[in-house]
């Protein structure tokens, strides 16, 4: 057993290839072959939109940070 720095007990490690194949097979069974490309496309678009929003937020925080030029 491994304990992280946060104190949470890790019972399982990262999923390996067999686990990922099982998950992929279950997803394929649930959604079917015809809907899967559309789902992955939407997932990619959502990920890109999230990244774009995070970078815009970081830029907005940099632009609104108080400057020390008033002295």
N, C-alpha and C. Protein backbone atom coordinates (compact mmCIF):
# COMPACT_ATOMS: atom_id res chain seq x y z
N UNK A 1 0.84 -1.19 0.00
CA UNK A 1 0.00 0.00 0.00
C UNK A 1 0.88 1.24 0.00
N UNK A 2 0.42 2.24 -0.72
CA UNK A 2 1.17 3.48 -0.83
C UNK A 2 0.33 4.63 -0.31
N UNK A 3 0.92 5.51 0.45
CA UNK A 3 0.22 6.69 0.95
C UNK A 3 0.82 7.90 0.25
N UNK A 4 -0.05 8.75 -0.31
CA UNK A 4 0.42 9.95 -1.00
C UNK A 4 0.72 11.03 0.01
N UNK A 5 1.22 12.16 -0.46
CA UNK A 5 1.52 13.28 0.42
C UNK A 5 0.26 13.89 1.01
N UNK A 6 -0.89 13.70 0.35
CA UNK A 6 -2.16 14.22 0.86
C UNK A 6 -2.75 13.31 1.92
N UNK A 7 -2.19 12.11 2.10
CA UNK A 7 -2.68 11.19 3.08
C UNK A 7 -3.73 10.22 2.56
N UNK A 8 -4.04 10.28 1.29
CA UNK A 8 -5.01 9.35 0.70
C UNK A 8 -4.32 8.01 0.42
N UNK A 9 -5.04 6.96 0.66
CA UNK A 9 -4.51 5.63 0.42
C UNK A 9 -4.75 5.24 -1.02
N UNK A 10 -3.71 4.87 -1.70
CA UNK A 10 -3.84 4.44 -3.09
C UNK A 10 -3.92 2.92 -3.12
N UNK A 11 -5.10 2.41 -3.43
CA UNK A 11 -5.26 0.96 -3.50
C UNK A 11 -4.91 0.44 -4.87
N UNK A 12 -5.09 1.26 -5.90
CA UNK A 12 -4.84 0.85 -7.27
C UNK A 12 -3.92 1.85 -7.93
N UNK A 13 -3.11 1.37 -8.85
CA UNK A 13 -2.22 2.25 -9.60
C UNK A 13 -2.92 2.78 -10.84
N UNK A 14 -2.16 3.31 -11.74
CA UNK A 14 -2.69 3.80 -13.00
C UNK A 14 -3.17 2.62 -13.84
N UNK A 15 -4.25 2.80 -14.58
CA UNK A 15 -4.73 1.68 -15.42
C UNK A 15 -3.74 1.37 -16.54
N UNK A 16 -3.53 0.10 -16.77
CA UNK A 16 -2.61 -0.34 -17.81
C UNK A 16 -3.36 -0.63 -19.10
N UNK A 17 -2.68 -1.25 -20.02
CA UNK A 17 -3.25 -1.56 -21.33
C UNK A 17 -4.46 -2.49 -21.23
N UNK A 18 -4.40 -3.57 -20.45
CA UNK A 18 -5.59 -4.44 -20.39
C UNK A 18 -6.84 -3.72 -19.86
N UNK A 19 -6.66 -2.88 -18.86
CA UNK A 19 -7.79 -2.15 -18.31
C UNK A 19 -8.36 -1.16 -19.32
N UNK A 20 -7.45 -0.48 -20.05
CA UNK A 20 -7.90 0.49 -21.04
C UNK A 20 -8.64 -0.21 -22.19
N UNK A 21 -8.18 -1.40 -22.57
CA UNK A 21 -8.87 -2.16 -23.61
C UNK A 21 -10.27 -2.57 -23.16
N UNK A 22 -10.40 -2.97 -21.91
CA UNK A 22 -11.71 -3.34 -21.38
C UNK A 22 -12.64 -2.14 -21.37
N UNK A 23 -12.15 -1.01 -20.93
CA UNK A 23 -12.97 0.21 -20.92
C UNK A 23 -13.38 0.58 -22.34
N UNK A 24 -12.45 0.51 -23.28
CA UNK A 24 -12.77 0.82 -24.67
C UNK A 24 -13.81 -0.13 -25.24
N UNK A 25 -13.71 -1.40 -24.90
CA UNK A 25 -14.69 -2.39 -25.37
C UNK A 25 -16.07 -2.10 -24.79
N UNK A 26 -16.14 -1.74 -23.52
CA UNK A 26 -17.43 -1.43 -22.89
C UNK A 26 -18.04 -0.18 -23.52
N UNK A 27 -17.22 0.83 -23.79
CA UNK A 27 -17.72 2.05 -24.44
C UNK A 27 -18.25 1.72 -25.83
N UNK A 28 -17.54 0.88 -26.55
CA UNK A 28 -17.97 0.47 -27.88
C UNK A 28 -19.30 -0.29 -27.81
N UNK A 29 -19.46 -1.14 -26.81
CA UNK A 29 -20.72 -1.86 -26.64
C UNK A 29 -21.87 -0.92 -26.28
N UNK A 30 -21.60 0.06 -25.43
CA UNK A 30 -22.66 0.97 -24.99
C UNK A 30 -23.11 1.91 -26.09
N UNK A 31 -22.18 2.49 -26.82
CA UNK A 31 -22.54 3.53 -27.77
C UNK A 31 -22.60 3.04 -29.21
N UNK A 32 -21.98 1.94 -29.52
CA UNK A 32 -22.00 1.43 -30.88
C UNK A 32 -20.95 2.09 -31.75
N UNK A 33 -20.68 1.47 -32.87
CA UNK A 33 -19.63 1.95 -33.77
C UNK A 33 -20.00 3.22 -34.52
N UNK A 34 -21.29 3.45 -34.75
CA UNK A 34 -21.70 4.62 -35.54
C UNK A 34 -21.63 5.91 -34.73
N UNK A 35 -21.91 5.87 -33.44
CA UNK A 35 -21.92 7.09 -32.63
C UNK A 35 -20.55 7.42 -32.04
N UNK A 36 -19.66 6.45 -32.00
CA UNK A 36 -18.37 6.65 -31.36
C UNK A 36 -17.52 7.76 -31.99
N UNK A 37 -17.40 7.87 -33.33
CA UNK A 37 -16.61 8.97 -33.90
C UNK A 37 -17.17 10.35 -33.54
N UNK A 38 -18.48 10.48 -33.52
CA UNK A 38 -19.09 11.75 -33.15
C UNK A 38 -18.82 12.10 -31.69
N UNK A 39 -18.87 11.10 -30.82
CA UNK A 39 -18.58 11.32 -29.41
C UNK A 39 -17.14 11.77 -29.21
N UNK A 40 -16.21 11.13 -29.90
CA UNK A 40 -14.80 11.49 -29.77
C UNK A 40 -14.54 12.89 -30.34
N UNK A 41 -15.21 13.23 -31.44
CA UNK A 41 -15.07 14.56 -32.04
C UNK A 41 -15.55 15.63 -31.05
N UNK A 42 -16.71 15.38 -30.44
CA UNK A 42 -17.23 16.33 -29.46
C UNK A 42 -16.34 16.43 -28.23
N UNK A 43 -15.76 15.30 -27.82
CA UNK A 43 -14.83 15.33 -26.69
C UNK A 43 -13.61 16.18 -27.02
N UNK A 44 -13.09 16.04 -28.23
CA UNK A 44 -11.95 16.85 -28.65
C UNK A 44 -12.27 18.33 -28.70
N UNK A 45 -13.45 18.66 -29.22
CA UNK A 45 -13.87 20.07 -29.27
C UNK A 45 -14.03 20.64 -27.88
N UNK A 46 -14.61 19.85 -26.98
CA UNK A 46 -14.80 20.31 -25.60
C UNK A 46 -13.45 20.54 -24.92
N UNK A 47 -12.50 19.64 -25.16
CA UNK A 47 -11.18 19.79 -24.57
C UNK A 47 -10.50 21.04 -25.10
N UNK A 48 -10.58 21.28 -26.39
CA UNK A 48 -9.97 22.49 -26.97
C UNK A 48 -10.63 23.75 -26.42
N UNK A 49 -11.94 23.75 -26.28
CA UNK A 49 -12.64 24.91 -25.74
C UNK A 49 -12.24 25.15 -24.28
N UNK A 50 -12.09 24.08 -23.52
CA UNK A 50 -11.67 24.21 -22.13
C UNK A 50 -10.27 24.81 -22.04
N UNK A 51 -9.34 24.31 -22.86
CA UNK A 51 -7.98 24.84 -22.86
C UNK A 51 -7.96 26.30 -23.27
N UNK A 52 -8.76 26.65 -24.28
CA UNK A 52 -8.85 28.04 -24.73
C UNK A 52 -9.38 28.93 -23.61
N UNK A 53 -10.39 28.46 -22.91
CA UNK A 53 -10.95 29.23 -21.80
C UNK A 53 -9.96 29.40 -20.67
N UNK A 54 -9.18 28.35 -20.39
CA UNK A 54 -8.18 28.46 -19.32
C UNK A 54 -7.09 29.45 -19.69
N UNK A 55 -6.65 29.45 -20.95
CA UNK A 55 -5.60 30.39 -21.35
C UNK A 55 -6.14 31.82 -21.38
N UNK A 56 -7.40 32.01 -21.77
CA UNK A 56 -8.00 33.34 -21.75
C UNK A 56 -8.11 33.86 -20.33
N UNK A 57 -8.46 32.97 -19.39
CA UNK A 57 -8.57 33.37 -17.99
C UNK A 57 -7.21 33.77 -17.44
N UNK A 58 -6.17 33.02 -17.79
CA UNK A 58 -4.83 33.35 -17.32
C UNK A 58 -4.37 34.68 -17.89
N UNK A 59 -4.69 34.96 -19.17
CA UNK A 59 -4.32 36.24 -19.77
C UNK A 59 -5.09 37.38 -19.12
N UNK A 60 -6.37 37.17 -18.81
CA UNK A 60 -7.16 38.21 -18.16
C UNK A 60 -6.62 38.53 -16.78
N UNK A 61 -6.18 37.51 -16.03
CA UNK A 61 -5.61 37.73 -14.72
C UNK A 61 -4.31 38.50 -14.81
N UNK A 62 -3.52 38.21 -15.84
CA UNK A 62 -2.26 38.94 -16.01
C UNK A 62 -2.52 40.40 -16.36
N UNK A 63 -3.55 40.65 -17.16
CA UNK A 63 -3.85 42.02 -17.57
C UNK A 63 -4.48 42.84 -16.45
N UNK A 64 -5.19 42.22 -15.53
CA UNK A 64 -5.86 42.95 -14.47
C UNK A 64 -5.06 42.99 -13.18
N UNK A 65 -3.86 42.42 -13.17
CA UNK A 65 -3.02 42.43 -11.98
C UNK A 65 -2.59 43.87 -11.69
N UNK A 66 -2.68 44.28 -10.43
CA UNK A 66 -2.28 45.66 -10.11
C UNK A 66 -0.78 45.86 -10.35
N UNK A 67 -0.46 46.97 -10.97
CA UNK A 67 0.94 47.26 -11.24
C UNK A 67 1.50 48.15 -10.14
N UNK A 68 2.80 48.15 -9.99
CA UNK A 68 3.47 48.92 -8.95
C UNK A 68 4.14 50.15 -9.56
N UNK A 69 3.55 50.70 -10.62
CA UNK A 69 4.12 51.85 -11.31
C UNK A 69 3.67 53.18 -10.72
N UNK A 70 2.80 53.19 -9.74
CA UNK A 70 2.27 54.44 -9.19
C UNK A 70 3.24 55.16 -8.28
N UNK A 71 4.35 54.52 -7.90
CA UNK A 71 5.32 55.15 -6.99
C UNK A 71 6.15 56.11 -7.70
